[in-house]
Amino acid sequence: MLNEPDTRNRAQQRENAEPEERTKPVPLIVAAVTLAMVAFGVIYILLSDPFGNSVLGDRRTLADLSGPAPGAAGVADGKQLFAANCVACHQATGKGLPGVFPPLDGSEWVQGDERTLANILLHGISGELVVAGTTYKGAMPSFQQLGDAELAALATYIRGNWSNKAGAVKPGLFEQERKASSRTTPFEGGAALKALGAKPA
């Protein structure tokens, strides 16, 4: 009986100490590096002037991105207008589709009097049309919804592209032809075009 306390004391002495929670501070080296990075960032922002230096970002305005107004004089792109309005029928080569759509390349109507071409673009054409010795029966829509500068650019492009070597067309011609005619329907074939008083070359 007398030995019991000694046995319990020895058993308690063999046990590990109870775990306890301690606060471990951040190592000084980590704190120093973090502080240095924050300081560098602040100094960089202050010295680089990111809010006014155009090199650091895209500073274009909405006006820069939208560009000049379409149809403005000297701005219309004849090649682009041709691709958007004509290429489906007359093809990128200007050769058209044999028996279906007439060629523009080498066409006497394109290279001939510019007034005739202006009227074709303004009013369209339907019925028989002889181009380069081949008769076509079809219809071409009017493009009078385009501005004078756009029509002039388009006419100039087709008159001077591929094997065509005709001169440029000025927007004033389209303005003049709009005022001179009250036509609301397409020309009825080549005969109606010749009645304009200008024969193809």
N, C-alpha and C. Protein backbone atom coordinates (compact mmCIF):
# COMPACT_ATOMS: atom_id res chain seq x y z
N MET A 1 0.84 -1.20 0.00
CA MET A 1 0.00 0.00 0.00
C MET A 1 0.87 1.24 0.00
N LEU A 2 1.97 1.17 0.73
CA LEU A 2 2.83 2.34 0.82
C LEU A 2 3.53 2.65 -0.51
N ASN A 3 3.65 1.63 -1.35
CA ASN A 3 4.37 1.82 -2.61
C ASN A 3 3.51 2.40 -3.75
N GLU A 4 2.21 2.47 -3.59
CA GLU A 4 1.31 2.92 -4.67
C GLU A 4 1.62 4.33 -5.18
N PRO A 5 1.82 5.33 -4.29
CA PRO A 5 2.10 6.68 -4.80
C PRO A 5 3.36 6.72 -5.65
N ASP A 6 4.37 5.97 -5.27
CA ASP A 6 5.62 5.98 -6.04
C ASP A 6 5.40 5.43 -7.43
N THR A 7 4.55 4.40 -7.57
CA THR A 7 4.27 3.78 -8.87
C THR A 7 3.55 4.76 -9.78
N ARG A 8 2.54 5.47 -9.25
CA ARG A 8 1.82 6.44 -10.06
C ARG A 8 2.74 7.58 -10.50
N ASN A 9 3.61 8.07 -9.64
CA ASN A 9 4.52 9.17 -9.96
C ASN A 9 5.48 8.77 -11.07
N ARG A 10 5.98 7.53 -11.01
CA ARG A 10 6.90 7.08 -12.06
C ARG A 10 6.18 6.96 -13.40
N ALA A 11 4.92 6.51 -13.39
CA ALA A 11 4.15 6.40 -14.63
C ALA A 11 3.88 7.77 -15.24
N GLN A 12 3.57 8.73 -14.39
CA GLN A 12 3.33 10.09 -14.89
C GLN A 12 4.59 10.71 -15.45
N GLN A 13 5.70 10.39 -14.91
CA GLN A 13 6.96 10.97 -15.38
C GLN A 13 7.35 10.43 -16.75
N ARG A 14 6.87 9.22 -17.11
CA ARG A 14 7.19 8.66 -18.42
C ARG A 14 6.37 9.28 -19.55
N GLU A 15 5.24 9.92 -19.29
CA GLU A 15 4.39 10.54 -20.30
C GLU A 15 5.05 11.78 -20.91
N ASN A 16 4.74 12.03 -22.22
CA ASN A 16 5.24 13.25 -22.87
C ASN A 16 4.48 14.46 -22.35
N ALA A 17 5.11 15.60 -22.50
CA ALA A 17 4.46 16.83 -22.04
C ALA A 17 3.24 17.11 -22.91
N GLU A 18 2.24 17.71 -22.36
CA GLU A 18 1.01 18.07 -23.08
C GLU A 18 1.34 19.07 -24.20
N PRO A 19 0.77 18.84 -25.41
CA PRO A 19 1.06 19.81 -26.50
C PRO A 19 0.45 21.16 -26.18
N GLU A 20 1.10 22.19 -26.64
CA GLU A 20 0.58 23.55 -26.44
C GLU A 20 0.76 24.36 -27.71
N GLU A 21 -0.10 25.33 -27.91
CA GLU A 21 -0.08 26.16 -29.11
C GLU A 21 0.78 27.38 -28.87
N ARG A 22 1.71 27.60 -29.79
CA ARG A 22 2.59 28.75 -29.67
C ARG A 22 2.52 29.58 -30.94
N THR A 23 2.69 30.86 -30.86
CA THR A 23 2.72 31.76 -32.00
C THR A 23 4.15 31.86 -32.51
N LYS A 24 4.29 31.50 -33.85
CA LYS A 24 5.63 31.58 -34.43
C LYS A 24 5.65 32.78 -35.38
N PRO A 25 6.45 33.75 -35.18
CA PRO A 25 6.49 34.94 -36.04
C PRO A 25 7.02 34.59 -37.44
N VAL A 26 6.63 35.43 -38.47
CA VAL A 26 7.14 35.26 -39.83
C VAL A 26 8.64 35.48 -39.81
N PRO A 27 9.37 34.63 -40.51
CA PRO A 27 10.82 34.83 -40.54
C PRO A 27 11.17 36.22 -41.08
N LEU A 28 12.18 36.81 -40.55
CA LEU A 28 12.57 38.16 -40.93
C LEU A 28 12.90 38.29 -42.42
N ILE A 29 13.49 37.25 -42.99
CA ILE A 29 13.86 37.33 -44.41
C ILE A 29 12.62 37.42 -45.30
N VAL A 30 11.55 36.66 -44.95
CA VAL A 30 10.31 36.71 -45.73
C VAL A 30 9.66 38.08 -45.61
N ALA A 31 9.63 38.61 -44.42
CA ALA A 31 9.05 39.93 -44.20
C ALA A 31 9.81 41.00 -44.97
N ALA A 32 11.13 40.90 -45.01
CA ALA A 32 11.96 41.88 -45.70
C ALA A 32 11.72 41.83 -47.22
N VAL A 33 11.63 40.61 -47.78
CA VAL A 33 11.40 40.47 -49.22
C VAL A 33 10.03 41.02 -49.61
N THR A 34 9.01 40.70 -48.82
CA THR A 34 7.65 41.20 -49.10
C THR A 34 7.60 42.72 -49.06
N LEU A 35 8.20 43.29 -48.07
CA LEU A 35 8.23 44.75 -47.94
C LEU A 35 8.96 45.39 -49.12
N ALA A 36 10.05 44.77 -49.55
CA ALA A 36 10.82 45.31 -50.68
C ALA A 36 10.00 45.27 -51.96
N MET A 37 9.23 44.18 -52.16
CA MET A 37 8.40 44.06 -53.38
C MET A 37 7.28 45.10 -53.40
N VAL A 38 6.65 45.33 -52.26
CA VAL A 38 5.60 46.34 -52.17
C VAL A 38 6.17 47.72 -52.44
N ALA A 39 7.31 48.01 -51.87
CA ALA A 39 7.94 49.31 -52.06
C ALA A 39 8.31 49.51 -53.54
N PHE A 40 8.84 48.47 -54.18
CA PHE A 40 9.21 48.56 -55.59
C PHE A 40 7.97 48.84 -56.45
N GLY A 41 6.86 48.15 -56.18
CA GLY A 41 5.63 48.34 -56.94
C GLY A 41 5.11 49.77 -56.83
N VAL A 42 5.11 50.30 -55.63
CA VAL A 42 4.63 51.67 -55.42
C VAL A 42 5.50 52.67 -56.16
N ILE A 43 6.81 52.49 -56.06
CA ILE A 43 7.74 53.41 -56.72
C ILE A 43 7.59 53.32 -58.25
N TYR A 44 7.44 52.09 -58.77
CA TYR A 44 7.30 51.90 -60.22
C TYR A 44 6.05 52.61 -60.74
N ILE A 45 4.94 52.46 -60.04
CA ILE A 45 3.69 53.11 -60.47
C ILE A 45 3.83 54.62 -60.46
N LEU A 46 4.45 55.16 -59.43
CA LEU A 46 4.60 56.60 -59.33
C LEU A 46 5.52 57.17 -60.40
N LEU A 47 6.58 56.43 -60.76
CA LEU A 47 7.56 56.94 -61.72
C LEU A 47 7.19 56.65 -63.18
N SER A 48 6.40 55.61 -63.44
CA SER A 48 6.11 55.23 -64.83
C SER A 48 4.96 56.02 -65.43
N ASP A 49 4.17 56.71 -64.65
CA ASP A 49 3.07 57.53 -65.14
C ASP A 49 2.15 56.75 -66.08
N PRO A 50 1.55 55.64 -65.60
CA PRO A 50 0.75 54.79 -66.50
C PRO A 50 -0.54 55.42 -67.00
N PHE A 51 -0.97 56.51 -66.39
CA PHE A 51 -2.26 57.10 -66.77
C PHE A 51 -2.13 58.08 -67.92
N GLY A 52 -0.90 58.41 -68.33
CA GLY A 52 -0.76 59.38 -69.40
C GLY A 52 0.18 58.95 -70.50
N ASN A 53 0.89 57.82 -70.34
CA ASN A 53 1.86 57.38 -71.32
C ASN A 53 1.19 56.44 -72.32
N SER A 54 1.06 56.86 -73.57
CA SER A 54 0.34 56.07 -74.57
C SER A 54 1.06 54.78 -74.92
N VAL A 55 2.33 54.68 -74.60
CA VAL A 55 3.08 53.46 -74.90
C VAL A 55 2.56 52.29 -74.07
N LEU A 56 1.97 52.59 -72.93
CA LEU A 56 1.53 51.54 -72.01
C LEU A 56 0.14 51.02 -72.31
N GLY A 57 -0.51 51.48 -73.34
CA GLY A 57 -1.85 50.98 -73.64
C GLY A 57 -2.42 51.62 -74.89
N ASP A 58 -3.56 51.12 -75.32
CA ASP A 58 -4.25 51.62 -76.52
C ASP A 58 -5.02 52.87 -76.14
N ARG A 59 -4.59 54.01 -76.66
CA ARG A 59 -5.21 55.29 -76.32
C ARG A 59 -6.08 55.82 -77.46
N ARG A 60 -6.43 54.94 -78.45
CA ARG A 60 -7.26 55.42 -79.56
C ARG A 60 -8.67 55.76 -79.09
N THR A 61 -9.22 56.80 -79.68
CA THR A 61 -10.57 57.21 -79.34
C THR A 61 -11.57 56.50 -80.26
N LEU A 62 -12.85 56.66 -79.97
CA LEU A 62 -13.89 56.08 -80.82
C LEU A 62 -13.82 56.65 -82.23
N ALA A 63 -13.49 57.92 -82.34
CA ALA A 63 -13.38 58.54 -83.67
C ALA A 63 -12.22 57.93 -84.46
N ASP A 64 -11.12 57.60 -83.76
CA ASP A 64 -9.98 56.96 -84.43
C ASP A 64 -10.37 55.60 -84.99
N LEU A 65 -11.14 54.85 -84.21
CA LEU A 65 -11.51 53.49 -84.60
C LEU A 65 -12.57 53.47 -85.69
N SER A 66 -13.47 54.44 -85.70
CA SER A 66 -14.55 54.43 -86.68
C SER A 66 -14.08 54.92 -88.04
N GLY A 67 -13.02 55.74 -88.09
CA GLY A 67 -12.48 56.20 -89.35
C GLY A 67 -13.37 57.23 -90.02
N PRO A 68 -13.02 57.59 -91.25
CA PRO A 68 -13.80 58.60 -91.95
C PRO A 68 -15.17 58.07 -92.34
N ALA A 69 -16.10 58.98 -92.53
CA ALA A 69 -17.47 58.59 -92.90
C ALA A 69 -17.47 57.94 -94.27
N PRO A 70 -18.22 56.84 -94.41
CA PRO A 70 -18.28 56.18 -95.71
C PRO A 70 -18.89 57.08 -96.77
N GLY A 71 -18.36 56.98 -97.95
CA GLY A 71 -18.90 57.77 -99.06
C GLY A 71 -18.34 59.17 -99.15
N ALA A 72 -17.46 59.54 -98.19
CA ALA A 72 -16.87 60.88 -98.25
C ALA A 72 -15.95 60.97 -99.46
N ALA A 73 -15.85 62.16 -100.04
CA ALA A 73 -15.06 62.33 -101.25
C ALA A 73 -13.62 61.92 -101.00
N GLY A 74 -13.05 61.17 -101.95
CA GLY A 74 -11.67 60.75 -101.86
C GLY A 74 -11.43 59.58 -100.92
N VAL A 75 -12.46 59.06 -100.29
CA VAL A 75 -12.27 58.00 -99.30
C VAL A 75 -12.78 56.66 -99.80
N ALA A 76 -13.76 56.66 -100.69
CA ALA A 76 -14.38 55.41 -101.16
C ALA A 76 -13.33 54.51 -101.81
N ASP A 77 -13.42 53.22 -101.53
CA ASP A 77 -12.50 52.23 -102.05
C ASP A 77 -13.22 51.41 -103.12
N GLY A 78 -12.87 51.62 -104.38
CA GLY A 78 -13.53 50.94 -105.48
C GLY A 78 -13.40 49.44 -105.43
N LYS A 79 -12.24 48.95 -105.04
CA LYS A 79 -12.02 47.50 -104.96
C LYS A 79 -12.92 46.88 -103.90
N GLN A 80 -13.03 47.54 -102.77
CA GLN A 80 -13.88 47.06 -101.69
C GLN A 80 -15.35 47.10 -102.09
N LEU A 81 -15.76 48.16 -102.76
CA LEU A 81 -17.14 48.26 -103.23
C LEU A 81 -17.46 47.19 -104.26
N PHE A 82 -16.49 46.91 -105.13
CA PHE A 82 -16.68 45.85 -106.12
C PHE A 82 -16.85 44.50 -105.42
N ALA A 83 -16.02 44.24 -104.42
CA ALA A 83 -16.10 42.97 -103.69
C ALA A 83 -17.44 42.82 -102.97
N ALA A 84 -17.97 43.93 -102.48
CA ALA A 84 -19.22 43.89 -101.71
C ALA A 84 -20.46 43.82 -102.61
N ASN A 85 -20.39 44.39 -103.81
CA ASN A 85 -21.60 44.53 -104.63
C ASN A 85 -21.59 43.78 -105.96
N CYS A 86 -20.42 43.49 -106.51
CA CYS A 86 -20.37 43.00 -107.89
C CYS A 86 -19.72 41.63 -108.07
N VAL A 87 -18.86 41.25 -107.15
CA VAL A 87 -18.03 40.06 -107.37
C VAL A 87 -18.83 38.78 -107.48
N ALA A 88 -20.00 38.71 -106.85
CA ALA A 88 -20.80 37.48 -106.90
C ALA A 88 -21.21 37.15 -108.33
N CYS A 89 -21.49 38.15 -109.13
CA CYS A 89 -21.91 37.92 -110.52
C CYS A 89 -20.74 38.01 -111.50
N HIS A 90 -19.98 39.09 -111.39
CA HIS A 90 -18.93 39.35 -112.37
C HIS A 90 -17.59 38.70 -112.00
N GLN A 91 -17.51 38.11 -110.82
CA GLN A 91 -16.33 37.37 -110.36
C GLN A 91 -15.13 38.31 -110.13
N ALA A 92 -14.21 37.86 -109.28
CA ALA A 92 -13.04 38.66 -108.92
C ALA A 92 -12.14 38.90 -110.13
N THR A 93 -12.22 38.01 -111.11
CA THR A 93 -11.39 38.16 -112.32
C THR A 93 -12.00 39.14 -113.32
N GLY A 94 -13.27 39.53 -113.09
CA GLY A 94 -13.95 40.40 -114.03
C GLY A 94 -14.43 39.69 -115.28
N LYS A 95 -14.31 38.36 -115.30
CA LYS A 95 -14.69 37.57 -116.48
C LYS A 95 -16.16 37.18 -116.48
N GLY A 96 -16.88 37.41 -115.38
CA GLY A 96 -18.28 37.03 -115.30
C GLY A 96 -18.45 35.52 -115.32
N LEU A 97 -19.66 35.07 -115.63
CA LEU A 97 -19.95 33.63 -115.79
C LEU A 97 -20.46 33.43 -117.21
N PRO A 98 -19.77 32.64 -118.01
CA PRO A 98 -20.14 32.47 -119.42
C PRO A 98 -21.61 32.11 -119.61
N GLY A 99 -22.29 32.88 -120.45
CA GLY A 99 -23.68 32.64 -120.75
C GLY A 99 -24.67 33.11 -119.71
N VAL A 100 -24.16 33.56 -118.57
CA VAL A 100 -25.04 33.99 -117.47
C VAL A 100 -24.83 35.46 -117.13
N PHE A 101 -23.61 35.78 -116.69
CA PHE A 101 -23.28 37.17 -116.33
C PHE A 101 -22.16 37.66 -117.23
N PRO A 102 -22.32 38.83 -117.85
CA PRO A 102 -21.31 39.31 -118.81
C PRO A 102 -20.01 39.72 -118.12
N PRO A 103 -18.92 39.67 -118.86
CA PRO A 103 -17.64 40.10 -118.30
C PRO A 103 -17.55 41.63 -118.22
N LEU A 104 -16.79 42.09 -117.27
CA LEU A 104 -16.45 43.52 -117.20
C LEU A 104 -15.08 43.74 -117.82
N ASP A 105 -14.24 42.72 -117.72
CA ASP A 105 -12.90 42.77 -118.31
C ASP A 105 -13.03 42.74 -119.83
N GLY A 106 -12.62 43.80 -120.48
CA GLY A 106 -12.70 43.88 -121.93
C GLY A 106 -14.06 44.29 -122.46
N SER A 107 -14.99 44.65 -121.58
CA SER A 107 -16.34 45.02 -122.01
C SER A 107 -16.33 46.40 -122.66
N GLU A 108 -16.97 46.48 -123.83
CA GLU A 108 -17.08 47.78 -124.52
C GLU A 108 -17.96 48.76 -123.76
N TRP A 109 -18.88 48.23 -122.95
CA TRP A 109 -19.75 49.10 -122.16
C TRP A 109 -19.00 49.71 -120.97
N VAL A 110 -18.03 49.00 -120.46
CA VAL A 110 -17.23 49.50 -119.33
C VAL A 110 -16.18 50.49 -119.81
N GLN A 111 -15.52 50.14 -120.93
CA GLN A 111 -14.42 50.97 -121.41
C GLN A 111 -14.88 52.12 -122.30
N GLY A 112 -16.15 52.06 -122.71
CA GLY A 112 -16.67 53.10 -123.60
C GLY A 112 -16.99 54.39 -122.86
N ASP A 113 -18.01 55.07 -123.32
CA ASP A 113 -18.37 56.36 -122.75
C ASP A 113 -18.73 56.21 -121.26
N GLU A 114 -18.12 57.01 -120.44
CA GLU A 114 -18.33 56.87 -118.99
C GLU A 114 -19.76 57.23 -118.57
N ARG A 115 -20.43 58.02 -119.38
CA ARG A 115 -21.83 58.38 -119.07
C ARG A 115 -22.74 57.15 -119.16
N THR A 116 -22.46 56.28 -120.12
CA THR A 116 -23.24 55.05 -120.26
C THR A 116 -23.06 54.17 -119.04
N LEU A 117 -21.81 53.99 -118.61
CA LEU A 117 -21.53 53.18 -117.43
C LEU A 117 -22.18 53.78 -116.19
N ALA A 118 -22.14 55.10 -116.08
CA ALA A 118 -22.77 55.77 -114.93
C ALA A 118 -24.26 55.47 -114.88
N ASN A 119 -24.91 55.48 -116.02
CA ASN A 119 -26.35 55.21 -116.06
C ASN A 119 -26.67 53.74 -115.77
N ILE A 120 -25.80 52.85 -116.21
CA ILE A 120 -25.99 51.43 -115.89
C ILE A 120 -25.93 51.23 -114.38
N LEU A 121 -24.97 51.86 -113.74
CA LEU A 121 -24.83 51.73 -112.28
C LEU A 121 -25.98 52.40 -111.54
N LEU A 122 -26.44 53.53 -112.06
CA LEU A 122 -27.51 54.26 -111.39
C LEU A 122 -28.88 53.60 -111.54
N HIS A 123 -29.13 53.02 -112.70
CA HIS A 123 -30.49 52.54 -112.98
C HIS A 123 -30.60 51.03 -113.18
N GLY A 124 -29.48 50.35 -113.42
CA GLY A 124 -29.55 48.92 -113.69
C GLY A 124 -29.94 48.66 -115.13
N ILE A 125 -29.97 47.37 -115.50
CA ILE A 125 -30.31 47.01 -116.88
C ILE A 125 -30.93 45.62 -116.88
N SER A 126 -31.90 45.42 -117.76
CA SER A 126 -32.51 44.10 -117.92
C SER A 126 -32.75 43.86 -119.40
N GLY A 127 -32.83 42.59 -119.80
CA GLY A 127 -33.04 42.27 -121.20
C GLY A 127 -31.74 41.92 -121.90
N GLU A 128 -31.78 41.97 -123.23
CA GLU A 128 -30.61 41.55 -124.02
C GLU A 128 -29.52 42.62 -124.04
N LEU A 129 -28.30 42.14 -123.83
CA LEU A 129 -27.14 43.02 -123.88
C LEU A 129 -26.01 42.25 -124.53
N VAL A 130 -25.44 42.80 -125.58
CA VAL A 130 -24.32 42.14 -126.26
C VAL A 130 -23.03 42.68 -125.68
N VAL A 131 -22.21 41.76 -125.17
CA VAL A 131 -20.92 42.13 -124.60
C VAL A 131 -19.85 41.27 -125.24
N ALA A 132 -18.88 41.90 -125.87
CA ALA A 132 -17.77 41.19 -126.52
C ALA A 132 -18.28 40.13 -127.50
N GLY A 133 -19.35 40.45 -128.23
CA GLY A 133 -19.88 39.56 -129.23
C GLY A 133 -20.81 38.48 -128.72
N THR A 134 -21.06 38.40 -127.43
CA THR A 134 -21.95 37.40 -126.85
C THR A 134 -23.19 38.09 -126.30
N THR A 135 -24.35 37.52 -126.57
CA THR A 135 -25.60 38.09 -126.08
C THR A 135 -25.95 37.50 -124.72
N TYR A 136 -26.24 38.39 -123.78
CA TYR A 136 -26.65 37.99 -122.42
C TYR A 136 -28.07 38.45 -122.18
N LYS A 137 -28.84 37.61 -121.54
CA LYS A 137 -30.21 37.97 -121.14
C LYS A 137 -30.30 37.83 -119.64
N GLY A 138 -30.38 38.92 -118.97
CA GLY A 138 -30.43 38.88 -117.52
C GLY A 138 -30.85 40.22 -116.96
N ALA A 139 -30.51 40.43 -115.71
CA ALA A 139 -30.86 41.70 -115.05
C ALA A 139 -29.75 42.09 -114.10
N MET A 140 -29.48 43.37 -114.10
CA MET A 140 -28.52 43.92 -113.15
C MET A 140 -29.24 44.98 -112.33
N PRO A 141 -29.13 44.93 -111.01
CA PRO A 141 -29.85 45.90 -110.18
C PRO A 141 -29.24 47.30 -110.24
N SER A 142 -30.01 48.25 -109.80
CA SER A 142 -29.53 49.62 -109.67
C SER A 142 -28.70 49.74 -108.39
N PHE A 143 -27.68 50.59 -108.45
CA PHE A 143 -26.86 50.87 -107.27
C PHE A 143 -26.97 52.34 -106.87
N GLN A 144 -28.12 52.95 -107.14
CA GLN A 144 -28.28 54.37 -106.85
C GLN A 144 -28.28 54.67 -105.35
N GLN A 145 -28.39 53.63 -104.51
CA GLN A 145 -28.32 53.84 -103.07
C GLN A 145 -26.90 54.20 -102.62
N LEU A 146 -25.92 53.94 -103.46
CA LEU A 146 -24.55 54.33 -103.14
C LEU A 146 -24.36 55.81 -103.43
N GLY A 147 -23.46 56.43 -102.71
CA GLY A 147 -23.18 57.84 -102.91
C GLY A 147 -22.42 58.08 -104.21
N ASP A 148 -22.39 59.34 -104.65
CA ASP A 148 -21.70 59.67 -105.89
C ASP A 148 -20.22 59.31 -105.84
N ALA A 149 -19.57 59.58 -104.71
CA ALA A 149 -18.14 59.26 -104.59
C ALA A 149 -17.92 57.75 -104.63
N GLU A 150 -18.84 57.00 -104.03
CA GLU A 150 -18.71 55.54 -104.04
C GLU A 150 -18.90 54.99 -105.45
N LEU A 151 -19.91 55.48 -106.16
CA LEU A 151 -20.14 55.03 -107.53
C LEU A 151 -18.96 55.41 -108.43
N ALA A 152 -18.41 56.58 -108.23
CA ALA A 152 -17.26 57.00 -109.03
C ALA A 152 -16.05 56.10 -108.75
N ALA A 153 -15.86 55.75 -107.49
CA ALA A 153 -14.74 54.87 -107.14
C ALA A 153 -14.94 53.49 -107.74
N LEU A 154 -16.17 52.99 -107.70
CA LEU A 154 -16.48 51.68 -108.28
C LEU A 154 -16.27 51.69 -109.79
N ALA A 155 -16.80 52.72 -110.46
CA ALA A 155 -16.64 52.82 -111.92
C ALA A 155 -15.17 52.95 -112.31
N THR A 156 -14.44 53.74 -111.56
CA THR A 156 -13.01 53.92 -111.83
C THR A 156 -12.27 52.60 -111.68
N TYR A 157 -12.63 51.84 -110.66
CA TYR A 157 -11.97 50.55 -110.42
C TYR A 157 -12.19 49.60 -111.59
N ILE A 158 -13.43 49.44 -112.04
CA ILE A 158 -13.68 48.46 -113.11
C ILE A 158 -13.18 48.96 -114.47
N ARG A 159 -13.09 50.28 -114.64
CA ARG A 159 -12.59 50.81 -115.91
C ARG A 159 -11.07 50.72 -116.01
N GLY A 160 -10.40 50.59 -114.88
CA GLY A 160 -8.93 50.56 -114.90
C GLY A 160 -8.33 49.26 -114.39
N ASN A 161 -9.17 48.25 -114.16
CA ASN A 161 -8.66 46.99 -113.62
C ASN A 161 -8.64 45.90 -114.70
N TRP A 162 -7.95 44.81 -114.42
CA TRP A 162 -7.78 43.69 -115.34
C TRP A 162 -7.11 44.21 -116.62
N SER A 163 -7.69 43.94 -117.78
CA SER A 163 -7.08 44.44 -119.03
C SER A 163 -7.63 45.81 -119.42
N ASN A 164 -8.60 46.32 -118.64
CA ASN A 164 -9.20 47.63 -118.95
C ASN A 164 -8.22 48.76 -118.65
N LYS A 165 -8.17 49.72 -119.52
CA LYS A 165 -7.24 50.84 -119.35
C LYS A 165 -7.95 52.19 -119.49
N ALA A 166 -9.25 52.23 -119.25
CA ALA A 166 -10.00 53.49 -119.39
C ALA A 166 -9.72 54.41 -118.20
N GLY A 167 -10.06 55.67 -118.38
CA GLY A 167 -9.77 56.67 -117.37
C GLY A 167 -10.72 56.65 -116.18
N ALA A 168 -10.36 57.46 -115.20
CA ALA A 168 -11.15 57.55 -113.96
C ALA A 168 -12.46 58.30 -114.20
N VAL A 169 -13.40 58.06 -113.31
CA VAL A 169 -14.71 58.72 -113.37
C VAL A 169 -14.85 59.62 -112.15
N LYS A 170 -15.36 60.82 -112.35
CA LYS A 170 -15.50 61.76 -111.24
C LYS A 170 -16.89 61.69 -110.63
N PRO A 171 -17.01 61.94 -109.33
CA PRO A 171 -18.33 61.91 -108.67
C PRO A 171 -19.34 62.86 -109.29
N GLY A 172 -18.85 63.97 -109.84
CA GLY A 172 -19.76 64.96 -110.44
C GLY A 172 -20.59 64.39 -111.58
N LEU A 173 -20.06 63.40 -112.29
CA LEU A 173 -20.81 62.79 -113.39
C LEU A 173 -22.07 62.11 -112.86
N PHE A 174 -21.96 61.42 -111.72
CA PHE A 174 -23.11 60.73 -111.15
C PHE A 174 -24.14 61.73 -110.62
N GLU A 175 -23.63 62.80 -110.06
CA GLU A 175 -24.54 63.86 -109.59
C GLU A 175 -25.32 64.44 -110.77
N GLN A 176 -24.60 64.67 -111.85
CA GLN A 176 -25.22 65.23 -113.08
C GLN A 176 -26.26 64.27 -113.65
N GLU A 177 -25.94 62.99 -113.73
CA GLU A 177 -26.85 62.01 -114.33
C GLU A 177 -28.07 61.75 -113.44
N ARG A 178 -27.90 61.85 -112.15
CA ARG A 178 -29.07 61.71 -111.25
C ARG A 178 -30.08 62.82 -111.54
N LYS A 179 -29.56 64.04 -111.70
CA LYS A 179 -30.44 65.19 -111.92
C LYS A 179 -31.06 65.18 -113.32
N ALA A 180 -30.33 64.61 -114.28
CA ALA A 180 -30.77 64.67 -115.67
C ALA A 180 -31.85 63.65 -116.01
N SER A 181 -32.03 62.64 -115.15
CA SER A 181 -32.98 61.58 -115.49
C SER A 181 -33.99 61.35 -114.38
N SER A 182 -35.22 61.11 -114.79
CA SER A 182 -36.27 60.77 -113.83
C SER A 182 -36.60 59.27 -113.90
N ARG A 183 -35.72 58.50 -114.54
CA ARG A 183 -35.94 57.06 -114.73
C ARG A 183 -36.05 56.35 -113.38
N THR A 184 -37.03 55.48 -113.27
CA THR A 184 -37.22 54.68 -112.04
C THR A 184 -37.14 53.19 -112.33
N THR A 185 -36.93 52.83 -113.60
CA THR A 185 -36.84 51.42 -113.97
C THR A 185 -35.50 51.17 -114.66
N PRO A 186 -35.05 49.91 -114.71
CA PRO A 186 -33.79 49.59 -115.40
C PRO A 186 -33.90 49.83 -116.91
N PHE A 187 -32.76 50.01 -117.55
CA PHE A 187 -32.73 50.13 -119.01
C PHE A 187 -33.12 48.79 -119.62
N GLU A 188 -33.85 48.84 -120.72
CA GLU A 188 -34.33 47.63 -121.40
C GLU A 188 -33.29 47.19 -122.43
N GLY A 189 -32.21 46.64 -121.97
CA GLY A 189 -31.18 46.10 -122.86
C GLY A 189 -30.29 47.16 -123.48
N GLY A 190 -29.43 46.68 -124.41
CA GLY A 190 -28.45 47.56 -125.04
C GLY A 190 -29.05 48.64 -125.89
N ALA A 191 -30.21 48.39 -126.50
CA ALA A 191 -30.85 49.40 -127.36
C ALA A 191 -31.20 50.65 -126.57
N ALA A 192 -31.71 50.45 -125.37
CA ALA A 192 -32.08 51.61 -124.53
C ALA A 192 -30.83 52.37 -124.09
N LEU A 193 -29.74 51.66 -123.88
CA LEU A 193 -28.49 52.34 -123.51
C LEU A 193 -27.96 53.17 -124.68
N LYS A 194 -28.06 52.63 -125.88
CA LYS A 194 -27.59 53.38 -127.04
C LYS A 194 -28.43 54.63 -127.27
N ALA A 195 -29.67 54.59 -126.83
CA ALA A 195 -30.56 55.75 -127.00
C ALA A 195 -30.11 56.93 -126.13
N LEU A 196 -29.22 56.68 -125.19
CA LEU A 196 -28.65 57.78 -124.38
C LEU A 196 -27.86 58.75 -125.27
N GLY A 197 -27.46 58.25 -126.44
CA GLY A 197 -26.68 59.11 -127.33
C GLY A 197 -25.21 58.83 -127.27
N ALA A 198 -24.83 57.82 -126.49
CA ALA A 198 -23.41 57.47 -126.40
C ALA A 198 -23.28 56.00 -126.75
N LYS A 199 -22.57 55.71 -127.81
CA LYS A 199 -22.38 54.33 -128.24
C LYS A 199 -21.13 53.76 -127.56
N PRO A 200 -21.14 52.43 -127.34
CA PRO A 200 -19.94 51.83 -126.78
C PRO A 200 -18.76 51.95 -127.72
N ALA A 201 -17.56 51.93 -127.15
CA ALA A 201 -16.35 52.08 -127.97
C ALA A 201 -16.13 50.86 -128.85
